[in-house]
Amino acid sequence: MIKVGVVLSGCGVFDGTEIHESVLTLLALSKRGAEAVCMAPDIDQAHVINHVTQQEMKEKRNVLVESARIARGQIRDIRDVKAQDLDALIFPGGYGAAKNLSTFAFDGVQCKVNADVEKLVREMHKQGKPTGFICIAPAIAAKIFEHMGIQLTIGNDPGTAEAIRRLGQKHCGCTVKEIAVDEKNKIVSTPAYMLAGNIAEAAAGIEKCVDEVLKLSGRHAACNRN
């Protein structure tokens, strides 16, 4: 069975993984006969946000522990995952991608990417295995592969698109139902909740992203698309 890593960054759009995006990704993979391997770094979140008031809370939470909520406890520390364990890799969005997996939300183009995240992404790229980036997560790829001219999309947000261009990538304006595909580097991206007005709109692009990642893995023929 094809194995696809799903990198989580906590639990909740404002300080972790966007839950709809992660569940839609997991559902799409399951419906296509792929096995999802959920993972996250074992680190503290940058901060904790009250999702009712959207105000910061005075407490600490762990990214791996919070991500396990989405994964129903079936999760691995990304430090222990190797590219040879996987056929493909997908990053759902949410601010956790820009706060916990990287510091893009705070530092923009001067951001840093978590060392274990960067190591796995680079290993996947070196082995010619595809990666998918959803919502704000393409900023991670933009930083890791700085000045490589990779085609990416976050939709049409001017500020984020300009940051991606400043990192030496090619930003492709897309609608919520579209994907950007860099076939040479096997990198797929889609805007999801950077543009989506509802969960159905987010699903349309995420399902296309999953399909393309599976196709680029070269093992899509074994997947059930019914």
C-alpha atoms as a PDB file:
ATOM      1  CA  MET A   1       0.000   0.000   0.000  1.00  0.00           C
ATOM      2  CA  ILE A   2       1.221   3.474  -0.830  1.00  0.00           C
ATOM      3  CA  LYS A   3       2.308   5.401   2.283  1.00  0.00           C
ATOM      4  CA  VAL A   4       1.850   9.171   2.444  1.00  0.00           C
ATOM      5  CA  GLY A   5       3.235  11.211   5.303  1.00  0.00           C
ATOM      6  CA  VAL A   6       0.914  13.915   6.655  1.00  0.00           C
ATOM      7  CA  VAL A   7       2.806  16.549   8.624  1.00  0.00           C
ATOM      8  CA  LEU A   8       0.740  18.179  11.376  1.00  0.00           C
ATOM      9  CA  SER A   9       1.583  21.297  13.380  1.00  0.00           C
ATOM     10  CA  GLY A  10      -0.774  21.231  16.348  1.00  0.00           C
ATOM     11  CA  CYS A  11      -4.567  21.298  16.563  1.00  0.00           C
ATOM     12  CA  GLY A  12      -6.463  24.424  15.523  1.00  0.00           C
ATOM     13  CA  VAL A  13      -6.182  26.966  12.733  1.00  0.00           C
ATOM     14  CA  PHE A  14      -4.783  29.892  14.733  1.00  0.00           C
ATOM     15  CA  ASP A  15      -1.923  28.093  16.488  1.00  0.00           C
ATOM     16  CA  GLY A  16      -1.659  24.680  14.830  1.00  0.00           C
ATOM     17  CA  THR A  17      -3.002  22.584  11.974  1.00  0.00           C
ATOM     18  CA  GLU A  18      -6.167  23.677  10.179  1.00  0.00           C
ATOM     19  CA  ILE A  19      -8.419  20.822  11.235  1.00  0.00           C
ATOM     20  CA  HIS A  20     -10.682  20.796   8.175  1.00  0.00           C
ATOM     21  CA  GLU A  21      -7.666  20.712   5.861  1.00  0.00           C
ATOM     22  CA  SER A  22      -6.026  17.862   7.743  1.00  0.00           C
ATOM     23  CA  VAL A  23      -9.211  15.778   7.911  1.00  0.00           C
ATOM     24  CA  LEU A  24      -9.971  16.390   4.231  1.00  0.00           C
ATOM     25  CA  THR A  25      -6.425  15.282   3.386  1.00  0.00           C
ATOM     26  CA  LEU A  26      -6.739  12.127   5.478  1.00  0.00           C
ATOM     27  CA  LEU A  27     -10.162  11.356   4.012  1.00  0.00           C
ATOM     28  CA  ALA A  28      -8.966  11.825   0.435  1.00  0.00           C
ATOM     29  CA  LEU A  29      -5.987   9.543   1.039  1.00  0.00           C
ATOM     30  CA  SER A  30      -8.152   6.848   2.632  1.00  0.00           C
ATOM     31  CA  LYS A  31     -10.731   6.949  -0.175  1.00  0.00           C
ATOM     32  CA  ARG A  32      -7.923   6.443  -2.681  1.00  0.00           C
ATOM     33  CA  GLY A  33      -6.500   3.437  -0.866  1.00  0.00           C
ATOM     34  CA  ALA A  34      -3.407   5.148   0.533  1.00  0.00           C
ATOM     35  CA  GLU A  35      -2.104   4.774   4.071  1.00  0.00           C
ATOM     36  CA  ALA A  36      -1.593   8.065   5.922  1.00  0.00           C
ATOM     37  CA  VAL A  37       1.407   8.270   8.244  1.00  0.00           C
ATOM     38  CA  CYS A  38       0.749  11.202  10.568  1.00  0.00           C
ATOM     39  CA  MET A  39       3.700  12.971  12.149  1.00  0.00           C
ATOM     40  CA  ALA A  40       4.691  16.176  13.922  1.00  0.00           C
ATOM     41  CA  PRO A  41       7.731  17.614  15.678  1.00  0.00           C
ATOM     42  CA  ASP A  42       8.017  17.078  19.440  1.00  0.00           C
ATOM     43  CA  ILE A  43       8.346  20.766  20.319  1.00  0.00           C
ATOM     44  CA  ASP A  44       6.421  23.467  22.170  1.00  0.00           C
ATOM     45  CA  GLN A  45       3.954  25.515  20.166  1.00  0.00           C
ATOM     46  CA  ALA A  46       4.982  29.121  19.498  1.00  0.00           C
ATOM     47  CA  HIS A  47       1.964  30.132  21.565  1.00  0.00           C
ATOM     48  CA  VAL A  48      -1.584  29.007  22.372  1.00  0.00           C
ATOM     49  CA  ILE A  49      -4.610  30.836  20.989  1.00  0.00           C
ATOM     50  CA  ASN A  50      -8.135  30.763  22.438  1.00  0.00           C
ATOM     51  CA  HIS A  51     -10.148  29.887  19.331  1.00  0.00           C
ATOM     52  CA  VAL A  52     -13.267  31.615  20.718  1.00  0.00           C
ATOM     53  CA  THR A  53     -11.674  34.995  21.472  1.00  0.00           C
ATOM     54  CA  GLN A  54      -8.612  34.618  19.197  1.00  0.00           C
ATOM     55  CA  GLN A  55      -6.507  35.936  22.085  1.00  0.00           C
ATOM     56  CA  GLU A  56      -3.269  34.388  23.325  1.00  0.00           C
ATOM     57  CA  MET A  57      -3.530  32.200  26.391  1.00  0.00           C
ATOM     58  CA  LYS A  58      -0.932  31.924  29.149  1.00  0.00           C
ATOM     59  CA  GLU A  59      -0.170  28.236  28.794  1.00  0.00           C
ATOM     60  CA  LYS A  60       2.106  25.896  26.860  1.00  0.00           C
ATOM     61  CA  ARG A  61       1.163  23.064  24.564  1.00  0.00           C
ATOM     62  CA  ASN A  62       3.236  20.510  22.692  1.00  0.00           C
ATOM     63  CA  VAL A  63       2.919  20.253  18.904  1.00  0.00           C
ATOM     64  CA  LEU A  64       3.180  16.453  18.826  1.00  0.00           C
ATOM     65  CA  VAL A  65       0.676  15.991  21.662  1.00  0.00           C
ATOM     66  CA  GLU A  66      -1.841  18.390  20.124  1.00  0.00           C
ATOM     67  CA  SER A  67      -1.424  16.882  16.652  1.00  0.00           C
ATOM     68  CA  ALA A  68      -2.203  13.456  18.118  1.00  0.00           C
ATOM     69  CA  ARG A  69      -5.763  14.701  18.687  1.00  0.00           C
ATOM     70  CA  ILE A  70      -6.281  14.875  14.923  1.00  0.00           C
ATOM     71  CA  ALA A  71      -4.462  11.596  14.299  1.00  0.00           C
ATOM     72  CA  ARG A  72      -6.513   9.727  16.939  1.00  0.00           C
ATOM     73  CA  GLY A  73      -3.265   8.988  18.749  1.00  0.00           C
ATOM     74  CA  GLN A  74      -1.626   7.290  15.755  1.00  0.00           C
ATOM     75  CA  ILE A  75       1.265   9.700  15.254  1.00  0.00           C
ATOM     76  CA  ARG A  76       5.045   9.660  14.994  1.00  0.00           C
ATOM     77  CA  ASP A  77       7.735  12.119  15.945  1.00  0.00           C
ATOM     78  CA  ILE A  78       8.906  13.511  12.608  1.00  0.00           C
ATOM     79  CA  ARG A  79      12.499  13.149  13.812  1.00  0.00           C
ATOM     80  CA  ASP A  80      12.106   9.371  13.563  1.00  0.00           C
ATOM     81  CA  VAL A  81      10.615   9.330  10.038  1.00  0.00           C
ATOM     82  CA  LYS A  82      12.848   8.745   7.029  1.00  0.00           C
ATOM     83  CA  ALA A  83      12.091   9.405   3.377  1.00  0.00           C
ATOM     84  CA  GLN A  84      12.530   5.717   2.626  1.00  0.00           C
ATOM     85  CA  ASP A  85       9.530   5.063   4.901  1.00  0.00           C
ATOM     86  CA  LEU A  86       7.237   7.051   2.582  1.00  0.00           C
ATOM     87  CA  ASP A  87       6.094   7.324  -1.018  1.00  0.00           C
ATOM     88  CA  ALA A  88       4.927  10.951  -0.685  1.00  0.00           C
ATOM     89  CA  LEU A  89       4.477  13.745   1.855  1.00  0.00           C
ATOM     90  CA  ILE A  90       1.691  16.311   2.400  1.00  0.00           C
ATOM     91  CA  PHE A  91       1.505  19.394   4.622  1.00  0.00           C
ATOM     92  CA  PRO A  92      -1.973  20.662   5.581  1.00  0.00           C
ATOM     93  CA  GLY A  93      -2.100  24.358   6.429  1.00  0.00           C
ATOM     94  CA  GLY A  94      -3.113  26.385   9.452  1.00  0.00           C
ATOM     95  CA  TYR A  95      -0.972  28.973  11.213  1.00  0.00           C
ATOM     96  CA  GLY A  96       0.972  26.164  12.859  1.00  0.00           C
ATOM     97  CA  ALA A  97       2.787  25.656   9.555  1.00  0.00           C
ATOM     98  CA  ALA A  98       3.947  29.266   9.768  1.00  0.00           C
ATOM     99  CA  LYS A  99       4.445  29.373  13.555  1.00  0.00           C
ATOM    100  CA  ASN A 100       5.572  25.899  14.642  1.00  0.00           C
ATOM    101  CA  LEU A 101       6.952  24.160  11.556  1.00  0.00           C
ATOM    102  CA  SER A 102       8.562  27.445  10.542  1.00  0.00           C
ATOM    103  CA  THR A 103       8.714  31.039  11.762  1.00  0.00           C
ATOM    104  CA  PHE A 104       7.233  32.514   8.578  1.00  0.00           C
ATOM    105  CA  ALA A 105       4.347  34.167  10.464  1.00  0.00           C
ATOM    106  CA  PHE A 106       6.822  36.093  12.600  1.00  0.00           C
ATOM    107  CA  ASP A 107       9.880  36.555  10.386  1.00  0.00           C
ATOM    108  CA  GLY A 108       8.623  36.479   6.791  1.00  0.00           C
ATOM    109  CA  VAL A 109      11.365  35.809   4.244  1.00  0.00           C
ATOM    110  CA  GLN A 110      13.947  35.712   7.052  1.00  0.00           C
ATOM    111  CA  CYS A 111      12.154  32.767   8.651  1.00  0.00           C
ATOM    112  CA  LYS A 112      13.650  29.473   9.741  1.00  0.00           C
ATOM    113  CA  VAL A 113      12.183  26.019   9.156  1.00  0.00           C
ATOM    114  CA  ASN A 114      12.205  23.359  11.870  1.00  0.00           C
ATOM    115  CA  ALA A 115      15.347  21.294  11.302  1.00  0.00           C
ATOM    116  CA  ASP A 116      13.578  17.915  11.298  1.00  0.00           C
ATOM    117  CA  VAL A 117      10.909  19.183   8.902  1.00  0.00           C
ATOM    118  CA  GLU A 118      13.526  20.558   6.539  1.00  0.00           C
ATOM    119  CA  LYS A 119      15.582  17.368   6.690  1.00  0.00           C
ATOM    120  CA  LEU A 120      12.639  15.162   5.718  1.00  0.00           C
ATOM    121  CA  VAL A 121      11.499  17.468   2.910  1.00  0.00           C
ATOM    122  CA  ARG A 122      15.015  17.586   1.475  1.00  0.00           C
ATOM    123  CA  GLU A 123      15.317  13.795   1.708  1.00  0.00           C
ATOM    124  CA  MET A 124      12.018  13.372  -0.145  1.00  0.00           C
ATOM    125  CA  HIS A 125      13.153  15.779  -2.854  1.00  0.00           C
ATOM    126  CA  LYS A 126      16.521  14.065  -3.205  1.00  0.00           C
ATOM    127  CA  GLN A 127      14.798  10.700  -3.652  1.00  0.00           C
ATOM    128  CA  GLY A 128      12.413  12.114  -6.259  1.00  0.00           C
ATOM    129  CA  LYS A 129       9.337  11.660  -4.083  1.00  0.00           C
ATOM    130  CA  PRO A 130       6.468  14.179  -4.297  1.00  0.00           C
ATOM    131  CA  THR A 131       5.370  16.650  -1.651  1.00  0.00           C
ATOM    132  CA  GLY A 132       2.104  18.556  -1.356  1.00  0.00           C
ATOM    133  CA  PHE A 133       1.634  21.881   0.428  1.00  0.00           C
ATOM    134  CA  ILE A 134      -1.786  23.240   1.379  1.00  0.00           C
ATOM    135  CA  CYS A 135      -2.937  26.754   2.361  1.00  0.00           C
ATOM    136  CA  ILE A 136      -0.005  28.704   3.942  1.00  0.00           C
ATOM    137  CA  ALA A 137       2.263  25.623   3.991  1.00  0.00           C
ATOM    138  CA  PRO A 138       3.837  26.450   0.574  1.00  0.00           C
ATOM    139  CA  ALA A 139       5.836  29.079   2.478  1.00  0.00           C
ATOM    140  CA  ILE A 140       7.760  26.171   4.015  1.00  0.00           C
ATOM    141  CA  ALA A 141       8.733  24.867   0.587  1.00  0.00           C
ATOM    142  CA  ALA A 142       9.599  28.383  -0.550  1.00  0.00           C
ATOM    143  CA  LYS A 143      12.102  28.767   2.279  1.00  0.00           C
ATOM    144  CA  ILE A 144      13.599  25.268   2.138  1.00  0.00           C
ATOM    145  CA  PHE A 145      14.225  25.512  -1.605  1.00  0.00           C
ATOM    146  CA  GLU A 146      15.113  29.200  -1.602  1.00  0.00           C
ATOM    147  CA  HIS A 147      16.024  30.597  -5.052  1.00  0.00           C
ATOM    148  CA  MET A 148      15.214  27.348  -6.887  1.00  0.00           C
ATOM    149  CA  GLY A 149      12.418  28.902  -8.941  1.00  0.00           C
ATOM    150  CA  ILE A 150       9.776  26.392  -7.843  1.00  0.00           C
ATOM    151  CA  GLN A 151       6.184  27.025  -8.925  1.00  0.00           C
ATOM    152  CA  LEU A 152       3.933  27.429  -5.876  1.00  0.00           C
ATOM    153  CA  THR A 153       0.555  28.917  -5.000  1.00  0.00           C
ATOM    154  CA  ILE A 154      -1.118  30.304  -1.904  1.00  0.00           C
ATOM    155  CA  GLY A 155      -4.027  31.630  -3.951  1.00  0.00           C
ATOM    156  CA  ASN A 156      -3.887  35.362  -4.531  1.00  0.00           C
ATOM    157  CA  ASP A 157      -2.923  37.049  -1.251  1.00  0.00           C
ATOM    158  CA  PRO A 158      -0.547  39.831  -2.418  1.00  0.00           C
ATOM    159  CA  GLY A 159       1.688  39.943   0.655  1.00  0.00           C
ATOM    160  CA  THR A 160       2.283  36.209   0.918  1.00  0.00           C
ATOM    161  CA  ALA A 161       2.683  35.849  -2.838  1.00  0.00           C
ATOM    162  CA  GLU A 162       5.321  38.585  -2.828  1.00  0.00           C
ATOM    163  CA  ALA A 163       7.191  36.863   0.020  1.00  0.00           C
ATOM    164  CA  ILE A 164       7.269  33.651  -2.026  1.00  0.00           C
ATOM    165  CA  ARG A 165       8.651  35.574  -4.985  1.00  0.00           C
ATOM    166  CA  ARG A 166      11.277  37.228  -2.760  1.00  0.00           C
ATOM    167  CA  LEU A 167      12.376  33.738  -1.735  1.00  0.00           C
ATOM    168  CA  GLY A 168      13.163  33.086  -5.377  1.00  0.00           C
ATOM    169  CA  GLN A 169      10.104  31.038  -6.305  1.00  0.00           C
ATOM    170  CA  LYS A 170       7.445  31.464  -8.994  1.00  0.00           C
ATOM    171  CA  HIS A 171       4.058  32.273  -7.498  1.00  0.00           C
ATOM    172  CA  CYS A 172       1.088  31.064  -9.524  1.00  0.00           C
ATOM    173  CA  GLY A 173      -2.249  32.740  -8.849  1.00  0.00           C
ATOM    174  CA  CYS A 174      -4.914  30.070  -8.382  1.00  0.00           C
ATOM    175  CA  THR A 175      -8.574  29.811  -7.458  1.00  0.00           C
ATOM    176  CA  VAL A 176      -9.602  27.735  -4.457  1.00  0.00           C
ATOM    177  CA  LYS A 177     -10.383  24.757  -6.709  1.00  0.00           C
ATOM    178  CA  GLU A 178      -7.046  24.799  -8.541  1.00  0.00           C
ATOM    179  CA  ILE A 179      -3.571  23.452  -7.873  1.00  0.00           C
ATOM    180  CA  ALA A 180      -0.080  24.509  -8.903  1.00  0.00           C
ATOM    181  CA  VAL A 181       2.182  21.682 -10.047  1.00  0.00           C
ATOM    182  CA  ASP A 182       5.948  21.846 -10.365  1.00  0.00           C
ATOM    183  CA  GLU A 183       6.513  18.592 -12.214  1.00  0.00           C
ATOM    184  CA  LYS A 184      10.307  18.863 -12.240  1.00  0.00           C
ATOM    185  CA  ASN A 185      10.525  19.075  -8.453  1.00  0.00           C
ATOM    186  CA  LYS A 186       7.344  17.036  -7.821  1.00  0.00           C
ATOM    187  CA  ILE A 187       5.825  19.754  -5.640  1.00  0.00           C
ATOM    188  CA  VAL A 188       2.060  20.385  -5.589  1.00  0.00           C
ATOM    189  CA  SER A 189       0.244  23.223  -3.814  1.00  0.00           C
ATOM    190  CA  THR A 190      -3.323  24.491  -3.411  1.00  0.00           C
ATOM    191  CA  PRO A 191      -4.855  27.516  -1.601  1.00  0.00           C
ATOM    192  CA  ALA A 192      -7.574  25.785   0.491  1.00  0.00           C
ATOM    193  CA  TYR A 193      -8.537  28.163   3.324  1.00  0.00           C
ATOM    194  CA  MET A 194      -6.336  30.931   2.007  1.00  0.00           C
ATOM    195  CA  LEU A 195      -9.385  31.400  -0.261  1.00  0.00           C
ATOM    196  CA  ALA A 196     -12.069  28.898   0.719  1.00  0.00           C
ATOM    197  CA  GLY A 197     -15.368  30.250   1.973  1.00  0.00           C
ATOM    198  CA  ASN A 198     -16.510  26.861   3.224  1.00  0.00           C
ATOM    199  CA  ILE A 199     -15.320  23.290   3.713  1.00  0.00           C
ATOM    200  CA  ALA A 200     -16.646  22.105   0.344  1.00  0.00           C
ATOM    201  CA  GLU A 201     -14.550  24.699  -1.487  1.00  0.00           C
ATOM    202  CA  ALA A 202     -11.475  23.675   0.489  1.00  0.00           C
ATOM    203  CA  ALA A 203     -12.153  20.023  -0.331  1.00  0.00           C
ATOM    204  CA  ALA A 204     -12.150  20.610  -4.084  1.00  0.00           C
ATOM    205  CA  GLY A 205      -8.547  21.810  -4.207  1.00  0.00           C
ATOM    206  CA  ILE A 206      -7.279  19.431  -1.533  1.00  0.00           C
ATOM    207  CA  GLU A 207      -8.653  16.399  -3.387  1.00  0.00           C
ATOM    208  CA  LYS A 208      -6.931  17.549  -6.590  1.00  0.00           C
ATOM    209  CA  CYS A 209      -3.709  18.079  -4.640  1.00  0.00           C
ATOM    210  CA  VAL A 210      -3.886  14.561  -3.186  1.00  0.00           C
ATOM    211  CA  ASP A 211      -4.635  13.072  -6.614  1.00  0.00           C
ATOM    212  CA  GLU A 212      -1.645  14.835  -8.176  1.00  0.00           C
ATOM    213  CA  VAL A 213       0.706  13.859  -5.354  1.00  0.00           C
ATOM    214  CA  LEU A 214      -0.335  10.219  -5.759  1.00  0.00           C
ATOM    215  CA  LYS A 215       0.105  10.483  -9.520  1.00  0.00           C
ATOM    216  CA  LEU A 216       3.601  11.938  -9.149  1.00  0.00           C
ATOM    217  CA  SER A 217       4.524   9.156  -6.737  1.00  0.00           C
ATOM    218  CA  GLY A 218       4.243   6.745  -9.645  1.00  0.00           C
ATOM    219  CA  ARG A 219       2.090   4.411  -7.577  1.00  0.00           C
ATOM    220  CA  HIS A 220      -1.319   5.973  -8.217  1.00  0.00           C
ATOM    221  CA  ALA A 221      -2.504   3.048 -10.305  1.00  0.00           C
ATOM    222  CA  ALA A 222      -2.742   0.905  -7.181  1.00  0.00           C
ATOM    223  CA  CYS A 223      -5.067   3.372  -5.462  1.00  0.00           C
ATOM    224  CA  ASN A 224      -8.831   3.048  -5.310  1.00  0.00           C
ATOM    225  CA  ARG A 225     -10.430   6.211  -6.701  1.00  0.00           C
ATOM    226  CA  ASN A 226     -14.054   5.081  -6.261  1.00  0.00           C
END
